């Protein structure tokens, strides 16, 4: 079992991603509103952070979504990753998002 995490900066693509998850066999995911550290610090009144980061982040999105799901099947996981890459394009470009996978050793409360 693996946990698939997607930090989605292009929030307008949320429904596309969730629909793709369903198509590849992911039956459930959690979506959380989030804010990156740089964006949060740019709102601070600390002159060292606020002014500098505000100029750097002016064109970036202040908020994003984190989508995570526990996936049992490796093929479903790979299909989901490929689908996200198809939807979002080159994820190495700034402002697109970040995706990562972590092992899950145990799940409590998951019904079959």
PDB file of N, CA and C in Angstrom:
ATOM      1  N   UNK A   1       0.839  -1.183   0.000  1.00  0.00           N
ATOM      2  CA  UNK A   1       0.000   0.000   0.000  1.00  0.00           C
ATOM      3  C   UNK A   1       0.879   1.240   0.000  1.00  0.00           C
ATOM      4  N   UNK A   2       0.393   2.245  -0.722  1.00  0.00           N
ATOM      5  CA  UNK A   2       1.131   3.506  -0.810  1.00  0.00           C
ATOM      6  C   UNK A   2       0.161   4.663  -0.611  1.00  0.00           C
ATOM      7  N   UNK A   3       0.688   5.764  -0.117  1.00  0.00           N
ATOM      8  CA  UNK A   3      -0.074   7.009  -0.048  1.00  0.00           C
ATOM      9  C   UNK A   3       0.430   7.911  -1.162  1.00  0.00           C
ATOM     10  N   UNK A   4      -0.484   8.374  -1.984  1.00  0.00           N
ATOM     11  CA  UNK A   4      -0.165   9.285  -3.075  1.00  0.00           C
ATOM     12  C   UNK A   4      -0.573  10.686  -2.647  1.00  0.00           C
ATOM     13  N   UNK A   5       0.379  11.601  -2.676  1.00  0.00           N
ATOM     14  CA  UNK A   5       0.138  12.994  -2.314  1.00  0.00           C
ATOM     15  C   UNK A   5       0.339  13.868  -3.541  1.00  0.00           C
ATOM     16  N   UNK A   6      -0.559  14.799  -3.738  1.00  0.00           N
ATOM     17  CA  UNK A   6      -0.414  15.785  -4.800  1.00  0.00           C
ATOM     18  C   UNK A   6      -0.674  17.158  -4.211  1.00  0.00           C
ATOM     19  N   UNK A   7       0.332  18.023  -4.272  1.00  0.00           N
ATOM     20  CA  UNK A   7       0.158  19.425  -3.910  1.00  0.00           C
ATOM     21  C   UNK A   7      -0.142  20.137  -5.218  1.00  0.00           C
ATOM     22  N   UNK A   8      -1.367  20.567  -5.364  1.00  0.00           N
ATOM     23  CA  UNK A   8      -1.876  21.088  -6.622  1.00  0.00           C
ATOM     24  C   UNK A   8      -1.944  22.607  -6.576  1.00  0.00           C
ATOM     25  N   UNK A   9      -1.033  23.253  -7.280  1.00  0.00           N
ATOM     26  CA  UNK A   9      -1.055  24.714  -7.347  1.00  0.00           C
ATOM     27  C   UNK A   9      -2.079  25.211  -8.360  1.00  0.00           C
ATOM     28  N   UNK A  10      -2.288  24.461  -9.412  1.00  0.00           N
ATOM     29  CA  UNK A  10      -3.293  24.824 -10.420  1.00  0.00           C
ATOM     30  C   UNK A  10      -4.651  24.307  -9.950  1.00  0.00           C
ATOM     31  N   UNK A  11      -5.235  25.017  -8.987  1.00  0.00           N
ATOM     32  CA  UNK A  11      -6.454  24.529  -8.341  1.00  0.00           C
ATOM     33  C   UNK A  11      -7.628  24.400  -9.307  1.00  0.00           C
ATOM     34  N   UNK A  12      -7.569  25.095 -10.426  1.00  0.00           N
ATOM     35  CA  UNK A  12      -8.641  24.963 -11.422  1.00  0.00           C
ATOM     36  C   UNK A  12      -8.648  23.572 -12.065  1.00  0.00           C
ATOM     37  N   UNK A  13      -7.597  22.792 -11.843  1.00  0.00           N
ATOM     38  CA  UNK A  13      -7.505  21.430 -12.375  1.00  0.00           C
ATOM     39  C   UNK A  13      -7.985  20.371 -11.378  1.00  0.00           C
ATOM     40  N   UNK A  14      -8.492  20.799 -10.223  1.00  0.00           N
ATOM     41  CA  UNK A  14      -8.883  19.861  -9.170  1.00  0.00           C
ATOM     42  C   UNK A  14      -9.894  18.825  -9.667  1.00  0.00           C
ATOM     43  N   UNK A  15     -10.971  19.262 -10.282  1.00  0.00           N
ATOM     44  CA  UNK A  15     -11.994  18.308 -10.738  1.00  0.00           C
ATOM     45  C   UNK A  15     -11.442  17.354 -11.782  1.00  0.00           C
ATOM     46  N   UNK A  16     -10.577  17.848 -12.671  1.00  0.00           N
ATOM     47  CA  UNK A  16      -9.963  16.975 -13.677  1.00  0.00           C
ATOM     48  C   UNK A  16      -9.146  15.874 -13.009  1.00  0.00           C
ATOM     49  N   UNK A  17      -8.388  16.249 -11.983  1.00  0.00           N
ATOM     50  CA  UNK A  17      -7.559  15.270 -11.270  1.00  0.00           C
ATOM     51  C   UNK A  17      -8.442  14.248 -10.562  1.00  0.00           C
ATOM     52  N   UNK A  18      -9.463  14.708  -9.864  1.00  0.00           N
ATOM     53  CA  UNK A  18     -10.334  13.782  -9.135  1.00  0.00           C
ATOM     54  C   UNK A  18     -11.069  12.845 -10.086  1.00  0.00           C
ATOM     55  N   UNK A  19     -11.520  13.364 -11.216  1.00  0.00           N
ATOM     56  CA  UNK A  19     -12.178  12.506 -12.210  1.00  0.00           C
ATOM     57  C   UNK A  19     -11.206  11.463 -12.756  1.00  0.00           C
ATOM     58  N   UNK A  20      -9.959  11.858 -12.969  1.00  0.00           N
ATOM     59  CA  UNK A  20      -8.945  10.909 -13.451  1.00  0.00           C
ATOM     60  C   UNK A  20      -8.681   9.834 -12.405  1.00  0.00           C
ATOM     61  N   UNK A  21      -8.642  10.219 -11.129  1.00  0.00           N
ATOM     62  CA  UNK A  21      -8.458   9.235 -10.064  1.00  0.00           C
ATOM     63  C   UNK A  21      -9.564   8.179 -10.120  1.00  0.00           C
ATOM     64  N   UNK A  22     -10.801   8.620 -10.265  1.00  0.00           N
ATOM     65  CA  UNK A  22     -11.927   7.682 -10.330  1.00  0.00           C
ATOM     66  C   UNK A  22     -11.773   6.756 -11.536  1.00  0.00           C
ATOM     67  N   UNK A  23     -11.399   7.309 -12.673  1.00  0.00           N
ATOM     68  CA  UNK A  23     -11.258   6.507 -13.899  1.00  0.00           C
ATOM     69  C   UNK A  23     -10.199   5.415 -13.769  1.00  0.00           C
ATOM     70  N   UNK A  24      -9.113   5.703 -13.028  1.00  0.00           N
ATOM     71  CA  UNK A  24      -8.046   4.698 -12.907  1.00  0.00           C
ATOM     72  C   UNK A  24      -8.294   3.723 -11.761  1.00  0.00           C
ATOM     73  N   UNK A  25      -9.325   3.974 -10.936  1.00  0.00           N
ATOM     74  CA  UNK A  25      -9.663   3.021  -9.889  1.00  0.00           C
ATOM     75  C   UNK A  25      -9.445   3.486  -8.463  1.00  0.00           C
ATOM     76  N   UNK A  26      -9.119   4.747  -8.269  1.00  0.00           N
ATOM     77  CA  UNK A  26      -9.003   5.271  -6.904  1.00  0.00           C
ATOM     78  C   UNK A  26     -10.409   5.613  -6.431  1.00  0.00           C
ATOM     79  N   UNK A  27     -10.819   4.991  -5.330  1.00  0.00           N
ATOM     80  CA  UNK A  27     -12.200   5.118  -4.870  1.00  0.00           C
ATOM     81  C   UNK A  27     -12.403   6.234  -3.855  1.00  0.00           C
ATOM     82  N   UNK A  28     -11.324   6.767  -3.308  1.00  0.00           N
ATOM     83  CA  UNK A  28     -11.461   7.826  -2.325  1.00  0.00           C
ATOM     84  C   UNK A  28     -10.183   8.630  -2.191  1.00  0.00           C
ATOM     85  N   UNK A  29     -10.352   9.895  -1.902  1.00  0.00           N
ATOM     86  CA  UNK A  29      -9.213  10.785  -1.675  1.00  0.00           C
ATOM     87  C   UNK A  29      -9.685  11.905  -0.761  1.00  0.00           C
ATOM     88  N   UNK A  30      -8.751  12.525  -0.102  1.00  0.00           N
ATOM     89  CA  UNK A  30      -9.044  13.668   0.754  1.00  0.00           C
ATOM     90  C   UNK A  30      -8.411  14.898   0.133  1.00  0.00           C
ATOM     91  N   UNK A  31      -9.170  15.990   0.107  1.00  0.00           N
ATOM     92  CA  UNK A  31      -8.692  17.252  -0.447  1.00  0.00           C
ATOM     93  C   UNK A  31      -8.634  18.266   0.690  1.00  0.00           C
ATOM     94  N   UNK A  32      -7.476  18.893   0.856  1.00  0.00           N
ATOM     95  CA  UNK A  32      -7.257  19.850   1.933  1.00  0.00           C
ATOM     96  C   UNK A  32      -6.807  21.177   1.332  1.00  0.00           C
ATOM     97  N   UNK A  33      -7.424  22.274   1.767  1.00  0.00           N
ATOM     98  CA  UNK A  33      -6.938  23.596   1.382  1.00  0.00           C
ATOM     99  C   UNK A  33      -5.605  23.830   2.070  1.00  0.00           C
ATOM    100  N   UNK A  34      -4.656  24.404   1.347  1.00  0.00           N
ATOM    101  CA  UNK A  34      -3.329  24.600   1.929  1.00  0.00           C
ATOM    102  C   UNK A  34      -2.686  25.872   1.401  1.00  0.00           C
ATOM    103  N   UNK A  35      -1.597  26.235   2.053  1.00  0.00           N
ATOM    104  CA  UNK A  35      -0.826  27.417   1.677  1.00  0.00           C
ATOM    105  C   UNK A  35       0.640  27.082   1.857  1.00  0.00           C
ATOM    106  N   UNK A  36       1.443  27.414   0.864  1.00  0.00           N
ATOM    107  CA  UNK A  36       2.868  27.149   0.945  1.00  0.00           C
ATOM    108  C   UNK A  36       3.569  28.068   1.932  1.00  0.00           C
ATOM    109  N   UNK A  37       4.719  27.638   2.395  1.00  0.00           N
ATOM    110  CA  UNK A  37       5.486  28.396   3.374  1.00  0.00           C
ATOM    111  C   UNK A  37       5.855  29.782   2.859  1.00  0.00           C
ATOM    112  N   UNK A  38       6.298  29.857   1.612  1.00  0.00           N
ATOM    113  CA  UNK A  38       6.690  31.150   1.051  1.00  0.00           C
ATOM    114  C   UNK A  38       5.539  32.129   1.033  1.00  0.00           C
ATOM    115  N   UNK A  39       4.380  31.648   0.650  1.00  0.00           N
ATOM    116  CA  UNK A  39       3.193  32.500   0.613  1.00  0.00           C
ATOM    117  C   UNK A  39       2.806  32.962   2.015  1.00  0.00           C
ATOM    118  N   UNK A  40       2.860  32.058   2.978  1.00  0.00           N
ATOM    119  CA  UNK A  40       2.514  32.409   4.357  1.00  0.00           C
ATOM    120  C   UNK A  40       3.490  33.431   4.922  1.00  0.00           C
ATOM    121  N   UNK A  41       4.785  33.226   4.672  1.00  0.00           N
ATOM    122  CA  UNK A  41       5.783  34.165   5.174  1.00  0.00           C
ATOM    123  C   UNK A  41       5.672  35.523   4.496  1.00  0.00           C
ATOM    124  N   UNK A  42       5.255  35.540   3.241  1.00  0.00           N
ATOM    125  CA  UNK A  42       5.151  36.818   2.532  1.00  0.00           C
ATOM    126  C   UNK A  42       4.059  37.694   3.124  1.00  0.00           C
ATOM    127  N   UNK A  43       3.121  37.080   3.842  1.00  0.00           N
ATOM    128  CA  UNK A  43       2.056  37.841   4.488  1.00  0.00           C
ATOM    129  C   UNK A  43       2.474  38.373   5.855  1.00  0.00           C
ATOM    130  N   UNK A  44       3.627  37.944   6.326  1.00  0.00           N
ATOM    131  CA  UNK A  44       4.065  38.360   7.659  1.00  0.00           C
ATOM    132  C   UNK A  44       4.524  39.809   7.629  1.00  0.00           C
ATOM    133  N   UNK A  45       4.575  40.391   8.787  1.00  0.00           N
ATOM    134  CA  UNK A  45       5.043  41.769   8.919  1.00  0.00           C
ATOM    135  C   UNK A  45       6.539  41.848   9.147  1.00  0.00           C
ATOM    136  N   UNK A  46       7.207  40.718   9.102  1.00  0.00           N
ATOM    137  CA  UNK A  46       8.647  40.714   9.288  1.00  0.00           C
ATOM    138  C   UNK A  46       9.310  41.273   8.038  1.00  0.00           C
ATOM    139  N   UNK A  47      10.035  42.373   8.143  1.00  0.00           N
ATOM    140  CA  UNK A  47      10.619  42.992   6.957  1.00  0.00           C
ATOM    141  C   UNK A  47      11.555  42.052   6.210  1.00  0.00           C
ATOM    142  N   UNK A  48      12.246  41.195   6.935  1.00  0.00           N
ATOM    143  CA  UNK A  48      13.199  40.290   6.304  1.00  0.00           C
ATOM    144  C   UNK A  48      12.494  39.316   5.361  1.00  0.00           C
ATOM    145  N   UNK A  49      11.290  38.892   5.717  1.00  0.00           N
ATOM    146  CA  UNK A  49      10.570  37.914   4.913  1.00  0.00           C
ATOM    147  C   UNK A  49       9.523  38.567   4.019  1.00  0.00           C
ATOM    148  N   UNK A  50       8.676  39.373   4.611  1.00  0.00           N
ATOM    149  CA  UNK A  50       7.515  39.900   3.904  1.00  0.00           C
ATOM    150  C   UNK A  50       7.828  40.617   2.611  1.00  0.00           C
ATOM    151  N   UNK A  51       8.671  41.623   2.651  1.00  0.00           N
ATOM    152  CA  UNK A  51       8.958  42.412   1.459  1.00  0.00           C
ATOM    153  C   UNK A  51       9.640  41.617   0.375  1.00  0.00           C
ATOM    154  N   UNK A  52      10.675  40.873   0.745  1.00  0.00           N
ATOM    155  CA  UNK A  52      11.422  40.084  -0.239  1.00  0.00           C
ATOM    156  C   UNK A  52      10.544  39.021  -0.875  1.00  0.00           C
ATOM    157  N   UNK A  53       9.866  38.257  -0.039  1.00  0.00           N
ATOM    158  CA  UNK A  53       9.050  37.166  -0.575  1.00  0.00           C
ATOM    159  C   UNK A  53       7.861  37.680  -1.364  1.00  0.00           C
ATOM    160  N   UNK A  54       7.332  38.827  -0.964  1.00  0.00           N
ATOM    161  CA  UNK A  54       6.205  39.381  -1.701  1.00  0.00           C
ATOM    162  C   UNK A  54       6.608  39.682  -3.142  1.00  0.00           C
ATOM    163  N   UNK A  55       7.814  40.212  -3.333  1.00  0.00           N
ATOM    164  CA  UNK A  55       8.260  40.510  -4.698  1.00  0.00           C
ATOM    165  C   UNK A  55       8.527  39.232  -5.479  1.00  0.00           C
ATOM    166  N   UNK A  56       9.055  38.209  -4.822  1.00  0.00           N
ATOM    167  CA  UNK A  56       9.340  36.943  -5.497  1.00  0.00           C
ATOM    168  C   UNK A  56       8.054  36.208  -5.853  1.00  0.00           C
ATOM    169  N   UNK A  57       7.060  36.277  -4.978  1.00  0.00           N
ATOM    170  CA  UNK A  57       5.851  35.472  -5.137  1.00  0.00           C
ATOM    171  C   UNK A  57       4.693  36.198  -5.803  1.00  0.00           C
ATOM    172  N   UNK A  58       4.896  37.420  -6.260  1.00  0.00           N
ATOM    173  CA  UNK A  58       3.791  38.187  -6.827  1.00  0.00           C
ATOM    174  C   UNK A  58       3.023  37.445  -7.911  1.00  0.00           C
ATOM    175  N   UNK A  59       3.708  36.674  -8.727  1.00  0.00           N
ATOM    176  CA  UNK A  59       3.031  35.986  -9.821  1.00  0.00           C
ATOM    177  C   UNK A  59       2.591  34.571  -9.462  1.00  0.00           C
ATOM    178  N   UNK A  60       2.906  34.101  -8.286  1.00  0.00           N
ATOM    179  CA  UNK A  60       2.540  32.740  -7.895  1.00  0.00           C
ATOM    180  C   UNK A  60       1.189  32.722  -7.202  1.00  0.00           C
ATOM    181  N   UNK A  61       0.636  31.537  -7.103  1.00  0.00           N
ATOM    182  CA  UNK A  61      -0.671  31.369  -6.480  1.00  0.00           C
ATOM    183  C   UNK A  61      -0.489  31.254  -4.965  1.00  0.00           C
ATOM    184  N   UNK A  62      -1.259  32.025  -4.197  1.00  0.00           N
ATOM    185  CA  UNK A  62      -1.053  32.004  -2.750  1.00  0.00           C
ATOM    186  C   UNK A  62      -1.580  30.745  -2.076  1.00  0.00           C
ATOM    187  N   UNK A  63      -2.571  30.098  -2.670  1.00  0.00           N
ATOM    188  CA  UNK A  63      -3.168  28.928  -2.035  1.00  0.00           C
ATOM    189  C   UNK A  63      -3.154  27.752  -2.996  1.00  0.00           C
ATOM    190  N   UNK A  64      -3.206  26.562  -2.425  1.00  0.00           N
ATOM    191  CA  UNK A  64      -3.218  25.359  -3.244  1.00  0.00           C
ATOM    192  C   UNK A  64      -4.087  24.307  -2.569  1.00  0.00           C
ATOM    193  N   UNK A  65      -4.136  23.151  -3.163  1.00  0.00           N
ATOM    194  CA  UNK A  65      -4.888  22.021  -2.612  1.00  0.00           C
ATOM    195  C   UNK A  65      -3.926  20.857  -2.440  1.00  0.00           C
ATOM    196  N   UNK A  66      -4.097  20.112  -1.369  1.00  0.00           N
ATOM    197  CA  UNK A  66      -3.367  18.865  -1.190  1.00  0.00           C
ATOM    198  C   UNK A  66      -4.393  17.741  -1.315  1.00  0.00           C
ATOM    199  N   UNK A  67      -4.116  16.829  -2.227  1.00  0.00           N
ATOM    200  CA  UNK A  67      -4.979  15.670  -2.435  1.00  0.00           C
ATOM    201  C   UNK A  67      -4.176  14.448  -2.018  1.00  0.00           C
ATOM    202  N   UNK A  68      -4.724  13.651  -1.116  1.00  0.00           N
ATOM    203  CA  UNK A  68      -4.009  12.426  -0.772  1.00  0.00           C
ATOM    204  C   UNK A  68      -4.962  11.245  -0.735  1.00  0.00           C
ATOM    205  N   UNK A  69      -4.393  10.098  -1.076  1.00  0.00           N
ATOM    206  CA  UNK A  69      -5.174   8.871  -1.149  1.00  0.00           C
ATOM    207  C   UNK A  69      -4.279   7.683  -0.845  1.00  0.00           C
ATOM    208  N   UNK A  70      -4.839   6.690  -0.190  1.00  0.00           N
ATOM    209  CA  UNK A  70      -4.129   5.433   0.026  1.00  0.00           C
ATOM    210  C   UNK A  70      -4.518   4.498  -1.116  1.00  0.00           C
ATOM    211  N   UNK A  71      -3.506   3.970  -1.791  1.00  0.00           N
ATOM    212  CA  UNK A  71      -3.725   3.141  -2.977  1.00  0.00           C
ATOM    213  C   UNK A  71      -3.119   1.766  -2.724  1.00  0.00           C
ATOM    214  N   UNK A  72      -3.929   0.729  -2.887  1.00  0.00           N
ATOM    215  CA  UNK A  72      -3.457  -0.638  -2.628  1.00  0.00           C
ATOM    216  C   UNK A  72      -2.681  -1.221  -3.801  1.00  0.00           C
ATOM    217  N   UNK A  73      -3.091  -0.917  -5.011  1.00  0.00           N
ATOM    218  CA  UNK A  73      -2.581  -1.570  -6.207  1.00  0.00           C
ATOM    219  C   UNK A  73      -1.533  -0.700  -6.907  1.00  0.00           C
ATOM    220  N   UNK A  74      -0.372  -1.283  -7.180  1.00  0.00           N
ATOM    221  CA  UNK A  74       0.734  -0.554  -7.815  1.00  0.00           C
ATOM    222  C   UNK A  74       0.365  -0.060  -9.216  1.00  0.00           C
ATOM    223  N   UNK A  75      -0.397  -0.855  -9.947  1.00  0.00           N
ATOM    224  CA  UNK A  75      -0.803  -0.445 -11.302  1.00  0.00           C
ATOM    225  C   UNK A  75      -1.734   0.766 -11.250  1.00  0.00           C
ATOM    226  N   UNK A  76      -2.659   0.764 -10.306  1.00  0.00           N
ATOM    227  CA  UNK A  76      -3.556   1.908 -10.127  1.00  0.00           C
ATOM    228  C   UNK A  76      -2.743   3.143  -9.757  1.00  0.00           C
ATOM    229  N   UNK A  77      -1.771   2.972  -8.877  1.00  0.00           N
ATOM    230  CA  UNK A  77      -0.903   4.077  -8.482  1.00  0.00           C
ATOM    231  C   UNK A  77      -0.178   4.658  -9.693  1.00  0.00           C
ATOM    232  N   UNK A  78       0.434   3.805 -10.490  1.00  0.00           N
ATOM    233  CA  UNK A  78       1.161   4.273 -11.675  1.00  0.00           C
ATOM    234  C   UNK A  78       0.234   4.944 -12.677  1.00  0.00           C
ATOM    235  N   UNK A  79      -0.969   4.402 -12.846  1.00  0.00           N
ATOM    236  CA  UNK A  79      -1.944   5.014 -13.749  1.00  0.00           C
ATOM    237  C   UNK A  79      -2.370   6.394 -13.247  1.00  0.00           C
ATOM    238  N   UNK A  80      -2.534   6.527 -11.932  1.00  0.00           N
ATOM    239  CA  UNK A  80      -2.920   7.816 -11.353  1.00  0.00           C
ATOM    240  C   UNK A  80      -1.821   8.853 -11.557  1.00  0.00           C
ATOM    241  N   UNK A  81      -0.582   8.455 -11.337  1.00  0.00           N
ATOM    242  CA  UNK A  81       0.547   9.373 -11.533  1.00  0.00           C
ATOM    243  C   UNK A  81       0.612   9.817 -12.993  1.00  0.00           C
ATOM    244  N   UNK A  82       0.466   8.878 -13.910  1.00  0.00           N
ATOM    245  CA  UNK A  82       0.495   9.211 -15.340  1.00  0.00           C
ATOM    246  C   UNK A  82      -0.655  10.147 -15.706  1.00  0.00           C
ATOM    247  N   UNK A  83      -1.830   9.902 -15.142  1.00  0.00           N
ATOM    248  CA  UNK A  83      -2.988  10.750 -15.434  1.00  0.00           C
ATOM    249  C   UNK A  83      -2.764  12.173 -14.944  1.00  0.00           C
ATOM    250  N   UNK A  84      -2.199  12.318 -13.748  1.00  0.00           N
ATOM    251  CA  UNK A  84      -1.914  13.654 -13.215  1.00  0.00           C
ATOM    252  C   UNK A  84      -0.906  14.370 -14.108  1.00  0.00           C
ATOM    253  N   UNK A  85       0.127  13.663 -14.530  1.00  0.00           N
ATOM    254  CA  UNK A  85       1.127  14.274 -15.413  1.00  0.00           C
ATOM    255  C   UNK A  85       0.507  14.684 -16.742  1.00  0.00           C
ATOM    256  N   UNK A  86      -0.430  13.895 -17.259  1.00  0.00           N
ATOM    257  CA  UNK A  86      -1.125  14.266 -18.498  1.00  0.00           C
ATOM    258  C   UNK A  86      -1.950  15.539 -18.310  1.00  0.00           C
ATOM    259  N   UNK A  87      -2.589  15.657 -17.164  1.00  0.00           N
ATOM    260  CA  UNK A  87      -3.451  16.813 -16.893  1.00  0.00           C
ATOM    261  C   UNK A  87      -2.628  18.073 -16.642  1.00  0.00           C
ATOM    262  N   UNK A  88      -1.578  17.953 -15.837  1.00  0.00           N
ATOM    263  CA  UNK A  88      -0.830  19.136 -15.404  1.00  0.00           C
ATOM    264  C   UNK A  88       0.340  19.490 -16.309  1.00  0.00           C
ATOM    265  N   UNK A  89       0.784  18.552 -17.102  1.00  0.00           N
ATOM    266  CA  UNK A  89       1.947  18.828 -17.939  1.00  0.00           C
ATOM    267  C   UNK A  89       3.236  18.678 -17.150  1.00  0.00           C
ATOM    268  N   UNK A  90       4.230  19.442 -17.522  1.00  0.00           N
ATOM    269  CA  UNK A  90       5.569  19.349 -16.937  1.00  0.00           C
ATOM    270  C   UNK A  90       5.560  19.848 -15.491  1.00  0.00           C
ATOM    271  N   UNK A  91       5.611  18.916 -14.551  1.00  0.00           N
ATOM    272  CA  UNK A  91       5.555  19.289 -13.138  1.00  0.00           C
ATOM    273  C   UNK A  91       6.869  19.846 -12.615  1.00  0.00           C
ATOM    274  N   UNK A  92       7.916  19.834 -13.433  1.00  0.00           N
ATOM    275  CA  UNK A  92       9.172  20.439 -12.991  1.00  0.00           C
ATOM    276  C   UNK A  92       9.147  21.958 -13.166  1.00  0.00           C
ATOM    277  N   UNK A  93       8.137  22.471 -13.848  1.00  0.00           N
ATOM    278  CA  UNK A  93       8.003  23.921 -14.020  1.00  0.00           C
ATOM    279  C   UNK A  93       7.461  24.533 -12.734  1.00  0.00           C
ATOM    280  N   UNK A  94       7.912  25.738 -12.397  1.00  0.00           N
ATOM    281  CA  UNK A  94       7.424  26.401 -11.181  1.00  0.00           C
ATOM    282  C   UNK A  94       5.915  26.647 -11.240  1.00  0.00           C
ATOM    283  N   UNK A  95       5.280  26.509 -10.088  1.00  0.00           N
ATOM    284  CA  UNK A  95       3.875  26.850  -9.968  1.00  0.00           C
ATOM    285  C   UNK A  95       2.898  25.774 -10.390  1.00  0.00           C
ATOM    286  N   UNK A  96       3.391  24.597 -10.781  1.00  0.00           N
ATOM    287  CA  UNK A  96       2.487  23.532 -11.226  1.00  0.00           C
ATOM    288  C   UNK A  96       2.038  22.692 -10.040  1.00  0.00           C
ATOM    289  N   UNK A  97       2.980  22.154  -9.298  1.00  0.00           N
ATOM    290  CA  UNK A  97       2.648  21.313  -8.160  1.00  0.00           C
ATOM    291  C   UNK A  97       3.761  20.342  -7.850  1.00  0.00           C
ATOM    292  N   UNK A  98       3.492  19.486  -6.896  1.00  0.00           N
ATOM    293  CA  UNK A  98       4.458  18.494  -6.438  1.00  0.00           C
ATOM    294  C   UNK A  98       3.688  17.218  -6.121  1.00  0.00           C
ATOM    295  N   UNK A  99       4.233  16.096  -6.554  1.00  0.00           N
ATOM    296  CA  UNK A  99       3.590  14.812  -6.286  1.00  0.00           C
ATOM    297  C   UNK A  99       4.631  13.884  -5.671  1.00  0.00           C
ATOM    298  N   UNK A 100       4.224  13.138  -4.640  1.00  0.00           N
ATOM    299  CA  UNK A 100       5.132  12.156  -4.055  1.00  0.00           C
ATOM    300  C   UNK A 100       4.337  10.989  -3.491  1.00  0.00           C
ATOM    301  N   UNK A 101       5.038   9.883  -3.293  1.00  0.00           N
ATOM    302  CA  UNK A 101       4.439   8.637  -2.817  1.00  0.00           C
ATOM    303  C   UNK A 101       5.185   8.197  -1.568  1.00  0.00           C
ATOM    304  N   UNK A 102       4.437   7.713  -0.580  1.00  0.00           N
ATOM    305  CA  UNK A 102       5.039   7.193   0.647  1.00  0.00           C
ATOM    306  C   UNK A 102       4.442   5.828   0.961  1.00  0.00           C
ATOM    307  N   UNK A 103       5.251   4.937   1.539  1.00  0.00           N
ATOM    308  CA  UNK A 103       4.714   3.630   1.924  1.00  0.00           C
ATOM    309  C   UNK A 103       3.739   3.768   3.093  1.00  0.00           C
ATOM    310  N   UNK A 104       2.741   2.911   3.100  1.00  0.00           N
ATOM    311  CA  UNK A 104       1.770   2.856   4.192  1.00  0.00           C
ATOM    312  C   UNK A 104       1.857   1.461   4.791  1.00  0.00           C
ATOM    313  N   UNK A 105       2.234   1.392   6.053  1.00  0.00           N
ATOM    314  CA  UNK A 105       2.394   0.102   6.716  1.00  0.00           C
ATOM    315  C   UNK A 105       1.096  -0.430   7.309  1.00  0.00           C
ATOM    316  N   UNK A 106       0.214   0.486   7.684  1.00  0.00           N
ATOM    317  CA  UNK A 106      -0.995   0.044   8.370  1.00  0.00           C
ATOM    318  C   UNK A 106      -2.101   1.075   8.172  1.00  0.00           C
ATOM    319  N   UNK A 107      -3.318   0.588   7.996  1.00  0.00           N
ATOM    320  CA  UNK A 107      -4.485   1.459   7.888  1.00  0.00           C
ATOM    321  C   UNK A 107      -5.538   0.948   8.859  1.00  0.00           C
ATOM    322  N   UNK A 108      -6.092   1.845   9.633  1.00  0.00           N
ATOM    323  CA  UNK A 108      -7.172   1.512  10.556  1.00  0.00           C
ATOM    324  C   UNK A 108      -8.409   2.281  10.103  1.00  0.00           C
ATOM    325  N   UNK A 109      -9.527   1.588   9.975  1.00  0.00           N
ATOM    326  CA  UNK A 109     -10.765   2.261   9.612  1.00  0.00           C
ATOM    327  C   UNK A 109     -11.099   2.225   8.141  1.00  0.00           C
ATOM    328  N   UNK A 110     -10.393   1.422   7.380  1.00  0.00           N
ATOM    329  CA  UNK A 110     -10.658   1.304   5.939  1.00  0.00           C
ATOM    330  C   UNK A 110     -11.569   0.108   5.732  1.00  0.00           C
ATOM    331  N   UNK A 111     -12.734   0.352   5.165  1.00  0.00           N
ATOM    332  CA  UNK A 111     -13.641  -0.755   4.863  1.00  0.00           C
ATOM    333  C   UNK A 111     -13.371  -1.265   3.459  1.00  0.00           C
ATOM    334  N   UNK A 112     -13.536  -2.554   3.277  1.00  0.00           N
ATOM    335  CA  UNK A 112     -13.223  -3.155   1.972  1.00  0.00           C
ATOM    336  C   UNK A 112     -14.350  -3.030   1.001  1.00  0.00           C
TER     337      UNK A 112
END
